[in-house]
Amino acid sequence: MAAVNRKTIIKKYGGTDTARQRPQKHEADLQMRSPIRSLKRLRVLATGLFVTALFSLSGQVLSGQLNDTGITTCSDSSTNGLPCPQAGYPGQDAEHGRDAAAQAGTLTKTGGGRAGFDFTKLDASGNDLAASATSWSCVRDNVTGLIWEVKTDDGGLQDKGNSYSWYNPDPNTNGGNSGTQGGGSCSGGIGCDTDAYAQAVNSQGLCGYSDWRLPWLEELLSLVDYSIPDPGPTIDTAYFPNFPDRVSRGFWSASTTPHAASNAWFVWFHSGDVNTFGKYYGFHVRLVRGGQ
């Protein structure tokens, strides 16, 4: 079979980091030493039903439905962005699921968002807002049921430029390694690690809730829109604005790497790729609530 765009075939990616590196290493170094591998995600088309099976590397799965990839075009052996279907290249991603239904005008949504995504903006008290709202504090994903924080650009606690080392003192969920306290660079008068940040946001009761946490890898990946090319950001910025510069678009997940407890999974939101890196490193954080 002729080659097809990787994003047409595979939605989720993984990687490994085999060498501890200095925190000041830039993105190219991180990617060079973290070769991409495929996560164990399998899409099956059988008896007229499109089934998505996710085999979690962390043992955690989404409690609601899974988002589609965001891809709404097809490919042949040499060209992407083509209309569907393409003769000789049947069964492509864009021909199935929520994205296809959205393209056909048959998908009913609670809120808004491109393709098959369905988001609702929330105010500071957690109340629903219209899609046209120009100020909002959180976003509810109406497909997965998760509620996400929205980053700010005000130099405060939730500022888009803040970074945090990975730290989780709970031995039941830290994969055998608690990580590094205070290893990031942030504002807000807190220790710059993931645990301290979650505690600070919970103390403020963001959107009326105090159970915010670091998302598991699968949860964080549910936000990725694979129709958006590098340099991204590969997310719907109409709902998730205030993204950091391309060179620093790595966001921590709560998932420790099974083969190396000193590393954790993160998502590059400039490309949608997944890698792992040492917990001492300072990446960004987008907190979530619900699910598990």
C-alpha atoms as a PDB file:
ATOM      1  CA  MET A   1       0.000   0.000   0.000  1.00  0.00           C
ATOM      2  CA  ALA A   2       1.292   3.462  -0.859  1.00  0.00           C
ATOM      3  CA  ALA A   3       2.364   5.715   1.967  1.00  0.00           C
ATOM      4  CA  VAL A   4      -0.217   8.005   3.531  1.00  0.00           C
ATOM      5  CA  ASN A   5       0.209  11.002   5.828  1.00  0.00           C
ATOM      6  CA  ARG A   6       1.025   9.697   9.306  1.00  0.00           C
ATOM      7  CA  LYS A   7      -1.710  11.824  10.849  1.00  0.00           C
ATOM      8  CA  THR A   8      -4.264  10.118   8.616  1.00  0.00           C
ATOM      9  CA  ILE A   9      -3.364   6.748  10.066  1.00  0.00           C
ATOM     10  CA  ILE A  10      -2.127   7.345  13.613  1.00  0.00           C
ATOM     11  CA  LYS A  11      -3.574   9.820  16.073  1.00  0.00           C
ATOM     12  CA  LYS A  12      -1.417   9.388  19.134  1.00  0.00           C
ATOM     13  CA  TYR A  13       2.349   9.221  19.371  1.00  0.00           C
ATOM     14  CA  GLY A  14       4.806   8.342  22.102  1.00  0.00           C
ATOM     15  CA  GLY A  15       8.525   8.503  22.686  1.00  0.00           C
ATOM     16  CA  THR A  16      11.325   7.868  25.074  1.00  0.00           C
ATOM     17  CA  ASP A  17      14.121   9.875  26.535  1.00  0.00           C
ATOM     18  CA  THR A  18      17.194   7.786  27.167  1.00  0.00           C
ATOM     19  CA  ALA A  19      19.582  10.433  28.456  1.00  0.00           C
ATOM     20  CA  ARG A  20      19.231  12.957  31.246  1.00  0.00           C
ATOM     21  CA  GLN A  21      19.809  16.388  29.759  1.00  0.00           C
ATOM     22  CA  ARG A  22      20.483  19.830  31.118  1.00  0.00           C
ATOM     23  CA  PRO A  23      17.347  21.966  31.658  1.00  0.00           C
ATOM     24  CA  GLN A  24      18.530  24.652  29.243  1.00  0.00           C
ATOM     25  CA  LYS A  25      18.583  22.276  26.262  1.00  0.00           C
ATOM     26  CA  HIS A  26      16.250  23.555  23.604  1.00  0.00           C
ATOM     27  CA  GLU A  27      13.458  21.776  21.773  1.00  0.00           C
ATOM     28  CA  ALA A  28      15.574  20.347  18.960  1.00  0.00           C
ATOM     29  CA  ASP A  29      17.764  18.559  21.501  1.00  0.00           C
ATOM     30  CA  LEU A  30      14.737  17.136  23.277  1.00  0.00           C
ATOM     31  CA  GLN A  31      13.207  15.786  20.098  1.00  0.00           C
ATOM     32  CA  MET A  32      16.483  14.406  18.742  1.00  0.00           C
ATOM     33  CA  ARG A  33      16.986  12.294  21.858  1.00  0.00           C
ATOM     34  CA  SER A  34      13.344  11.303  22.130  1.00  0.00           C
ATOM     35  CA  PRO A  35      12.498   9.284  18.969  1.00  0.00           C
ATOM     36  CA  ILE A  36       8.791   9.039  18.304  1.00  0.00           C
ATOM     37  CA  ARG A  37       7.077   5.742  18.863  1.00  0.00           C
ATOM     38  CA  SER A  38       3.478   4.807  18.348  1.00  0.00           C
ATOM     39  CA  LEU A  39       1.227   4.514  21.372  1.00  0.00           C
ATOM     40  CA  LYS A  40      -0.877   1.381  21.496  1.00  0.00           C
ATOM     41  CA  ARG A  41      -3.957   2.948  19.967  1.00  0.00           C
ATOM     42  CA  LEU A  42      -5.945   0.856  17.506  1.00  0.00           C
ATOM     43  CA  ARG A  43      -8.865   1.873  15.373  1.00  0.00           C
ATOM     44  CA  VAL A  44     -11.063  -0.943  14.147  1.00  0.00           C
ATOM     45  CA  LEU A  45     -13.798  -0.802  11.520  1.00  0.00           C
ATOM     46  CA  ALA A  46     -16.007  -3.881  11.837  1.00  0.00           C
ATOM     47  CA  THR A  47     -19.624  -4.770  11.094  1.00  0.00           C
ATOM     48  CA  GLY A  48     -20.373  -1.160  10.258  1.00  0.00           C
ATOM     49  CA  LEU A  49     -19.227   0.141  13.655  1.00  0.00           C
ATOM     50  CA  PHE A  50     -16.205   2.365  14.175  1.00  0.00           C
ATOM     51  CA  VAL A  51     -14.587   1.297  17.431  1.00  0.00           C
ATOM     52  CA  THR A  52     -11.773   3.095  19.172  1.00  0.00           C
ATOM     53  CA  ALA A  53      -9.638   1.019  21.536  1.00  0.00           C
ATOM     54  CA  LEU A  54      -7.092   2.752  23.711  1.00  0.00           C
ATOM     55  CA  PHE A  55      -4.454   0.705  25.513  1.00  0.00           C
ATOM     56  CA  SER A  56      -3.075   3.044  28.132  1.00  0.00           C
ATOM     57  CA  LEU A  57       0.612   3.129  28.914  1.00  0.00           C
ATOM     58  CA  SER A  58      -0.183   4.666  32.288  1.00  0.00           C
ATOM     59  CA  GLY A  59      -3.146   2.486  33.222  1.00  0.00           C
ATOM     60  CA  GLN A  60      -5.479   5.508  33.125  1.00  0.00           C
ATOM     61  CA  VAL A  61      -8.244   5.975  30.561  1.00  0.00           C
ATOM     62  CA  LEU A  62     -10.801   8.645  29.814  1.00  0.00           C
ATOM     63  CA  SER A  63     -14.077   8.085  31.634  1.00  0.00           C
ATOM     64  CA  GLY A  64     -16.143   9.677  28.839  1.00  0.00           C
ATOM     65  CA  GLN A  65     -15.969   9.365  25.072  1.00  0.00           C
ATOM     66  CA  LEU A  66     -12.831  10.017  23.047  1.00  0.00           C
ATOM     67  CA  ASN A  67     -12.412  13.027  20.806  1.00  0.00           C
ATOM     68  CA  ASP A  68     -11.752  12.508  17.119  1.00  0.00           C
ATOM     69  CA  THR A  69      -8.475  13.635  15.512  1.00  0.00           C
ATOM     70  CA  GLY A  70      -9.754  16.853  13.915  1.00  0.00           C
ATOM     71  CA  ILE A  71      -8.647  15.655  10.477  1.00  0.00           C
ATOM     72  CA  THR A  72     -11.278  16.438   7.830  1.00  0.00           C
ATOM     73  CA  THR A  73      -9.339  15.838   4.601  1.00  0.00           C
ATOM     74  CA  CYS A  74      -7.871  12.793   2.889  1.00  0.00           C
ATOM     75  CA  SER A  75      -4.519  11.954   1.270  1.00  0.00           C
ATOM     76  CA  ASP A  76      -3.063   9.929  -1.560  1.00  0.00           C
ATOM     77  CA  SER A  77       0.504   8.714  -1.986  1.00  0.00           C
ATOM     78  CA  SER A  78       1.903  12.215  -2.485  1.00  0.00           C
ATOM     79  CA  THR A  79      -0.585  14.897  -1.415  1.00  0.00           C
ATOM     80  CA  ASN A  80      -2.392  15.832   1.789  1.00  0.00           C
ATOM     81  CA  GLY A  81      -5.454  18.034   2.221  1.00  0.00           C
ATOM     82  CA  LEU A  82      -7.504  16.351  -0.501  1.00  0.00           C
ATOM     83  CA  PRO A  83     -11.288  15.919  -0.480  1.00  0.00           C
ATOM     84  CA  CYS A  84     -12.688  12.581   0.633  1.00  0.00           C
ATOM     85  CA  PRO A  85     -12.960   9.890  -0.561  1.00  0.00           C
ATOM     86  CA  GLN A  86      -9.801   9.263  -2.583  1.00  0.00           C
ATOM     87  CA  ALA A  87      -9.935   6.425  -5.124  1.00  0.00           C
ATOM     88  CA  GLY A  88      -7.500   3.673  -4.185  1.00  0.00           C
ATOM     89  CA  TYR A  89      -7.096   4.992  -0.607  1.00  0.00           C
ATOM     90  CA  PRO A  90     -10.259   3.946   1.231  1.00  0.00           C
ATOM     91  CA  GLY A  91     -11.141   4.083   4.907  1.00  0.00           C
ATOM     92  CA  GLN A  92      -9.145   7.148   5.891  1.00  0.00           C
ATOM     93  CA  ASP A  93      -9.496   8.927   9.245  1.00  0.00           C
ATOM     94  CA  ALA A  94     -11.551  11.813   7.877  1.00  0.00           C
ATOM     95  CA  GLU A  95     -14.188   9.437   6.509  1.00  0.00           C
ATOM     96  CA  HIS A  96     -15.279   8.198   9.926  1.00  0.00           C
ATOM     97  CA  GLY A  97     -16.267   9.412  13.357  1.00  0.00           C
ATOM     98  CA  ARG A  98     -17.300  12.790  14.719  1.00  0.00           C
ATOM     99  CA  ASP A  99     -15.188  14.791  12.268  1.00  0.00           C
ATOM    100  CA  ALA A 100     -16.913  13.150   9.299  1.00  0.00           C
ATOM    101  CA  ALA A 101     -20.324  13.758  10.839  1.00  0.00           C
ATOM    102  CA  ALA A 102     -19.442  17.414  11.403  1.00  0.00           C
ATOM    103  CA  GLN A 103     -18.351  17.763   7.778  1.00  0.00           C
ATOM    104  CA  ALA A 104     -21.614  16.196   6.647  1.00  0.00           C
ATOM    105  CA  GLY A 105     -23.664  18.522   8.857  1.00  0.00           C
ATOM    106  CA  THR A 106     -25.161  15.643  10.852  1.00  0.00           C
ATOM    107  CA  LEU A 107     -23.325  16.154  14.146  1.00  0.00           C
ATOM    108  CA  THR A 108     -25.268  17.730  17.006  1.00  0.00           C
ATOM    109  CA  LYS A 109     -23.149  19.729  19.445  1.00  0.00           C
ATOM    110  CA  THR A 110     -23.794  21.168  22.880  1.00  0.00           C
ATOM    111  CA  GLY A 111     -21.276  23.971  22.355  1.00  0.00           C
ATOM    112  CA  GLY A 112     -18.837  24.894  19.591  1.00  0.00           C
ATOM    113  CA  GLY A 113     -15.427  24.087  18.183  1.00  0.00           C
ATOM    114  CA  ARG A 114     -14.043  23.023  14.830  1.00  0.00           C
ATOM    115  CA  ALA A 115     -14.688  19.631  13.240  1.00  0.00           C
ATOM    116  CA  GLY A 116     -15.912  17.060  15.793  1.00  0.00           C
ATOM    117  CA  PHE A 117     -14.705  18.919  18.874  1.00  0.00           C
ATOM    118  CA  ASP A 118     -17.422  20.275  21.186  1.00  0.00           C
ATOM    119  CA  PHE A 119     -16.402  22.885  23.769  1.00  0.00           C
ATOM    120  CA  THR A 120     -18.297  25.238  26.086  1.00  0.00           C
ATOM    121  CA  LYS A 121     -16.764  28.340  27.676  1.00  0.00           C
ATOM    122  CA  LEU A 122     -17.287  28.762  31.430  1.00  0.00           C
ATOM    123  CA  ASP A 123     -17.151  31.892  33.566  1.00  0.00           C
ATOM    124  CA  ALA A 124     -15.247  32.294  36.845  1.00  0.00           C
ATOM    125  CA  SER A 125     -18.099  30.585  38.722  1.00  0.00           C
ATOM    126  CA  GLY A 126     -18.341  27.660  36.306  1.00  0.00           C
ATOM    127  CA  ASN A 127     -21.459  28.862  34.489  1.00  0.00           C
ATOM    128  CA  ASP A 128     -21.928  28.250  30.766  1.00  0.00           C
ATOM    129  CA  LEU A 129     -21.180  31.122  28.406  1.00  0.00           C
ATOM    130  CA  ALA A 130     -22.013  31.690  24.764  1.00  0.00           C
ATOM    131  CA  ALA A 131     -19.405  30.672  22.188  1.00  0.00           C
ATOM    132  CA  SER A 132     -19.094  34.373  21.336  1.00  0.00           C
ATOM    133  CA  ALA A 133     -18.000  35.304  24.874  1.00  0.00           C
ATOM    134  CA  THR A 134     -14.762  37.287  24.882  1.00  0.00           C
ATOM    135  CA  SER A 135     -13.786  36.524  28.477  1.00  0.00           C
ATOM    136  CA  TRP A 136     -13.885  33.082  30.107  1.00  0.00           C
ATOM    137  CA  SER A 137     -11.971  31.151  32.757  1.00  0.00           C
ATOM    138  CA  CYS A 138     -12.415  27.467  31.898  1.00  0.00           C
ATOM    139  CA  VAL A 139     -13.597  25.218  29.080  1.00  0.00           C
ATOM    140  CA  ARG A 140     -15.779  22.117  29.313  1.00  0.00           C
ATOM    141  CA  ASP A 141     -15.161  19.407  26.737  1.00  0.00           C
ATOM    142  CA  ASN A 142     -18.643  18.099  26.021  1.00  0.00           C
ATOM    143  CA  VAL A 143     -17.297  14.894  24.481  1.00  0.00           C
ATOM    144  CA  THR A 144     -14.957  13.705  27.240  1.00  0.00           C
ATOM    145  CA  GLY A 145     -16.767  15.499  30.067  1.00  0.00           C
ATOM    146  CA  LEU A 146     -13.503  17.032  31.300  1.00  0.00           C
ATOM    147  CA  ILE A 147     -13.177  20.678  32.377  1.00  0.00           C
ATOM    148  CA  TRP A 148      -9.922  22.482  31.530  1.00  0.00           C
ATOM    149  CA  GLU A 149      -8.251  25.611  32.822  1.00  0.00           C
ATOM    150  CA  VAL A 150      -7.649  28.471  30.406  1.00  0.00           C
ATOM    151  CA  LYS A 151      -4.222  30.101  30.588  1.00  0.00           C
ATOM    152  CA  THR A 152      -3.854  33.854  31.051  1.00  0.00           C
ATOM    153  CA  ASP A 153      -1.438  36.474  29.742  1.00  0.00           C
ATOM    154  CA  ASP A 154      -1.292  38.719  32.783  1.00  0.00           C
ATOM    155  CA  GLY A 155       1.901  37.703  34.572  1.00  0.00           C
ATOM    156  CA  GLY A 156      -0.110  36.023  37.335  1.00  0.00           C
ATOM    157  CA  LEU A 157      -0.551  32.530  38.743  1.00  0.00           C
ATOM    158  CA  GLN A 158      -1.979  31.039  35.527  1.00  0.00           C
ATOM    159  CA  ASP A 159       0.205  32.924  33.069  1.00  0.00           C
ATOM    160  CA  LYS A 160       1.003  31.143  29.813  1.00  0.00           C
ATOM    161  CA  GLY A 161       4.749  31.569  30.280  1.00  0.00           C
ATOM    162  CA  ASN A 162       4.999  29.797  33.635  1.00  0.00           C
ATOM    163  CA  SER A 163       6.832  26.484  33.730  1.00  0.00           C
ATOM    164  CA  TYR A 164       6.947  23.780  36.393  1.00  0.00           C
ATOM    165  CA  SER A 165       9.018  20.744  37.226  1.00  0.00           C
ATOM    166  CA  TRP A 166       7.058  17.503  37.635  1.00  0.00           C
ATOM    167  CA  TYR A 167       6.379  16.714  41.287  1.00  0.00           C
ATOM    168  CA  ASN A 168       3.911  14.307  42.902  1.00  0.00           C
ATOM    169  CA  PRO A 169       4.523  13.167  46.490  1.00  0.00           C
ATOM    170  CA  ASP A 170       1.788  10.477  46.346  1.00  0.00           C
ATOM    171  CA  PRO A 171       3.448   7.030  45.980  1.00  0.00           C
ATOM    172  CA  ASN A 172       0.176   5.590  44.696  1.00  0.00           C
ATOM    173  CA  THR A 173       0.230   7.761  41.569  1.00  0.00           C
ATOM    174  CA  ASN A 174       3.810   8.980  41.027  1.00  0.00           C
ATOM    175  CA  GLY A 175       5.101   5.804  39.421  1.00  0.00           C
ATOM    176  CA  GLY A 176       7.754   5.259  42.076  1.00  0.00           C
ATOM    177  CA  ASN A 177       9.481   8.623  41.698  1.00  0.00           C
ATOM    178  CA  SER A 178       8.130  11.846  43.206  1.00  0.00           C
ATOM    179  CA  GLY A 179      10.075  14.113  40.847  1.00  0.00           C
ATOM    180  CA  THR A 180      11.545  17.518  41.597  1.00  0.00           C
ATOM    181  CA  GLN A 181      10.149  20.302  43.745  1.00  0.00           C
ATOM    182  CA  GLY A 182      10.397  23.921  42.608  1.00  0.00           C
ATOM    183  CA  GLY A 183      12.351  23.264  39.435  1.00  0.00           C
ATOM    184  CA  GLY A 184      10.423  25.526  37.067  1.00  0.00           C
ATOM    185  CA  SER A 185      10.121  29.260  36.543  1.00  0.00           C
ATOM    186  CA  CYS A 186       6.817  30.865  37.451  1.00  0.00           C
ATOM    187  CA  SER A 187       4.942  33.802  38.913  1.00  0.00           C
ATOM    188  CA  GLY A 188       2.264  33.737  41.581  1.00  0.00           C
ATOM    189  CA  GLY A 189       4.483  33.392  44.638  1.00  0.00           C
ATOM    190  CA  ILE A 190       4.471  29.591  44.717  1.00  0.00           C
ATOM    191  CA  GLY A 191       6.950  26.742  44.390  1.00  0.00           C
ATOM    192  CA  CYS A 192       7.321  26.170  40.656  1.00  0.00           C
ATOM    193  CA  ASP A 193       6.326  22.503  40.421  1.00  0.00           C
ATOM    194  CA  THR A 194       3.150  20.761  39.282  1.00  0.00           C
ATOM    195  CA  ASP A 195       1.925  19.852  42.767  1.00  0.00           C
ATOM    196  CA  ALA A 196       2.388  23.351  44.166  1.00  0.00           C
ATOM    197  CA  TYR A 197       0.626  24.841  41.157  1.00  0.00           C
ATOM    198  CA  ALA A 198      -2.400  22.531  41.476  1.00  0.00           C
ATOM    199  CA  GLN A 199      -2.662  23.332  45.185  1.00  0.00           C
ATOM    200  CA  ALA A 200      -2.524  27.081  44.489  1.00  0.00           C
ATOM    201  CA  VAL A 201      -5.245  26.911  41.827  1.00  0.00           C
ATOM    202  CA  ASN A 202      -7.418  24.747  44.079  1.00  0.00           C
ATOM    203  CA  SER A 203      -7.061  27.238  46.917  1.00  0.00           C
ATOM    204  CA  GLN A 204      -8.502  29.909  44.632  1.00  0.00           C
ATOM    205  CA  GLY A 205     -11.474  27.757  43.601  1.00  0.00           C
ATOM    206  CA  LEU A 206     -11.059  28.226  39.855  1.00  0.00           C
ATOM    207  CA  CYS A 207     -14.467  28.161  38.151  1.00  0.00           C
ATOM    208  CA  GLY A 208     -16.023  27.127  41.470  1.00  0.00           C
ATOM    209  CA  TYR A 209     -13.991  23.921  41.878  1.00  0.00           C
ATOM    210  CA  SER A 210     -11.163  22.798  44.149  1.00  0.00           C
ATOM    211  CA  ASP A 211     -10.291  19.426  42.615  1.00  0.00           C
ATOM    212  CA  TRP A 212      -7.985  20.558  39.806  1.00  0.00           C
ATOM    213  CA  ARG A 213      -5.136  18.184  38.945  1.00  0.00           C
ATOM    214  CA  LEU A 214      -2.491  17.382  36.372  1.00  0.00           C
ATOM    215  CA  PRO A 215      -4.087  15.502  33.414  1.00  0.00           C
ATOM    216  CA  TRP A 216      -3.174  11.948  32.514  1.00  0.00           C
ATOM    217  CA  LEU A 217      -1.524  11.545  29.123  1.00  0.00           C
ATOM    218  CA  GLU A 218      -4.688  10.319  27.389  1.00  0.00           C
ATOM    219  CA  GLU A 219      -6.657  13.247  28.769  1.00  0.00           C
ATOM    220  CA  LEU A 220      -4.124  15.810  27.570  1.00  0.00           C
ATOM    221  CA  LEU A 221      -3.997  14.192  24.127  1.00  0.00           C
ATOM    222  CA  SER A 222      -7.767  14.528  23.814  1.00  0.00           C
ATOM    223  CA  LEU A 223      -7.261  18.260  23.179  1.00  0.00           C
ATOM    224  CA  VAL A 224      -4.894  17.816  20.226  1.00  0.00           C
ATOM    225  CA  ASP A 225      -6.241  18.794  16.803  1.00  0.00           C
ATOM    226  CA  TYR A 226      -4.111  16.894  14.280  1.00  0.00           C
ATOM    227  CA  SER A 227      -5.396  18.900  11.333  1.00  0.00           C
ATOM    228  CA  ILE A 228      -3.225  21.821  12.457  1.00  0.00           C
ATOM    229  CA  PRO A 229       0.349  21.601  11.130  1.00  0.00           C
ATOM    230  CA  ASP A 230       3.562  22.447  12.925  1.00  0.00           C
ATOM    231  CA  PRO A 231       4.210  25.041  14.387  1.00  0.00           C
ATOM    232  CA  GLY A 232       0.630  24.869  15.678  1.00  0.00           C
ATOM    233  CA  PRO A 233      -0.503  25.262  18.324  1.00  0.00           C
ATOM    234  CA  THR A 234      -2.379  22.023  17.710  1.00  0.00           C
ATOM    235  CA  ILE A 235      -5.442  23.029  19.716  1.00  0.00           C
ATOM    236  CA  ASP A 236      -8.524  25.169  19.145  1.00  0.00           C
ATOM    237  CA  THR A 237      -7.219  28.612  20.145  1.00  0.00           C
ATOM    238  CA  ALA A 238     -10.743  30.033  19.923  1.00  0.00           C
ATOM    239  CA  TYR A 239     -11.307  28.187  23.213  1.00  0.00           C
ATOM    240  CA  PHE A 240      -7.731  27.792  24.487  1.00  0.00           C
ATOM    241  CA  PRO A 241      -5.941  31.113  23.844  1.00  0.00           C
ATOM    242  CA  ASN A 242      -2.691  32.445  25.288  1.00  0.00           C
ATOM    243  CA  PHE A 243      -0.229  29.820  24.142  1.00  0.00           C
ATOM    244  CA  PRO A 244       3.506  30.096  24.813  1.00  0.00           C
ATOM    245  CA  ASP A 245       5.998  30.492  21.977  1.00  0.00           C
ATOM    246  CA  ARG A 246       6.665  27.503  19.729  1.00  0.00           C
ATOM    247  CA  VAL A 247      10.008  26.629  21.341  1.00  0.00           C
ATOM    248  CA  SER A 248       8.336  25.997  24.683  1.00  0.00           C
ATOM    249  CA  ARG A 249       5.016  24.320  23.935  1.00  0.00           C
ATOM    250  CA  GLY A 250       5.628  21.183  25.983  1.00  0.00           C
ATOM    251  CA  PHE A 251       2.898  20.430  28.559  1.00  0.00           C
ATOM    252  CA  TRP A 252       3.314  17.902  31.370  1.00  0.00           C
ATOM    253  CA  SER A 253       0.950  14.982  31.879  1.00  0.00           C
ATOM    254  CA  ALA A 254       0.561  13.134  35.193  1.00  0.00           C
ATOM    255  CA  SER A 255       1.745   9.879  33.602  1.00  0.00           C
ATOM    256  CA  THR A 256       5.124   8.508  34.648  1.00  0.00           C
ATOM    257  CA  THR A 257       7.076   6.573  32.023  1.00  0.00           C
ATOM    258  CA  PRO A 258       6.782   2.835  32.842  1.00  0.00           C
ATOM    259  CA  HIS A 259      10.393   1.984  31.972  1.00  0.00           C
ATOM    260  CA  ALA A 260      11.962   5.035  33.651  1.00  0.00           C
ATOM    261  CA  ALA A 261      10.285   6.350  36.795  1.00  0.00           C
ATOM    262  CA  SER A 262      12.401   9.516  36.747  1.00  0.00           C
ATOM    263  CA  ASN A 263      10.686  10.545  33.479  1.00  0.00           C
ATOM    264  CA  ALA A 264       7.108  11.527  32.669  1.00  0.00           C
ATOM    265  CA  TRP A 265       5.101  11.904  29.458  1.00  0.00           C
ATOM    266  CA  PHE A 266       4.456  15.325  27.947  1.00  0.00           C
ATOM    267  CA  VAL A 267       2.763  16.640  24.798  1.00  0.00           C
ATOM    268  CA  TRP A 268       4.377  19.012  22.284  1.00  0.00           C
ATOM    269  CA  PHE A 269       1.514  21.318  21.346  1.00  0.00           C
ATOM    270  CA  HIS A 270       3.390  22.691  18.360  1.00  0.00           C
ATOM    271  CA  SER A 271       3.069  19.320  16.608  1.00  0.00           C
ATOM    272  CA  GLY A 272       0.822  17.082  18.721  1.00  0.00           C
ATOM    273  CA  ASP A 273       3.658  14.622  19.286  1.00  0.00           C
ATOM    274  CA  VAL A 274       4.241  12.853  22.594  1.00  0.00           C
ATOM    275  CA  ASN A 275       7.592  12.348  24.315  1.00  0.00           C
ATOM    276  CA  THR A 276       9.044  11.706  27.748  1.00  0.00           C
ATOM    277  CA  PHE A 277      11.606  13.671  29.694  1.00  0.00           C
ATOM    278  CA  GLY A 278      13.147  13.961  33.146  1.00  0.00           C
ATOM    279  CA  LYS A 279      10.793  15.195  35.854  1.00  0.00           C
ATOM    280  CA  TYR A 280      13.286  17.881  36.835  1.00  0.00           C
ATOM    281  CA  TYR A 281      12.594  19.816  33.627  1.00  0.00           C
ATOM    282  CA  GLY A 282      10.330  22.882  33.484  1.00  0.00           C
ATOM    283  CA  PHE A 283       7.367  22.399  31.123  1.00  0.00           C
ATOM    284  CA  HIS A 284       3.978  24.126  31.065  1.00  0.00           C
ATOM    285  CA  VAL A 285       0.837  22.836  32.766  1.00  0.00           C
ATOM    286  CA  ARG A 286      -2.854  22.882  31.866  1.00  0.00           C
ATOM    287  CA  LEU A 287      -4.909  21.603  34.799  1.00  0.00           C
ATOM    288  CA  VAL A 288      -8.057  19.524  34.423  1.00  0.00           C
ATOM    289  CA  ARG A 289     -10.878  18.285  36.608  1.00  0.00           C
ATOM    290  CA  GLY A 290     -13.386  15.459  36.342  1.00  0.00           C
ATOM    291  CA  GLY A 291     -12.791  12.144  34.649  1.00  0.00           C
ATOM    292  CA  GLN A 292     -10.276   9.710  36.142  1.00  0.00           C
END
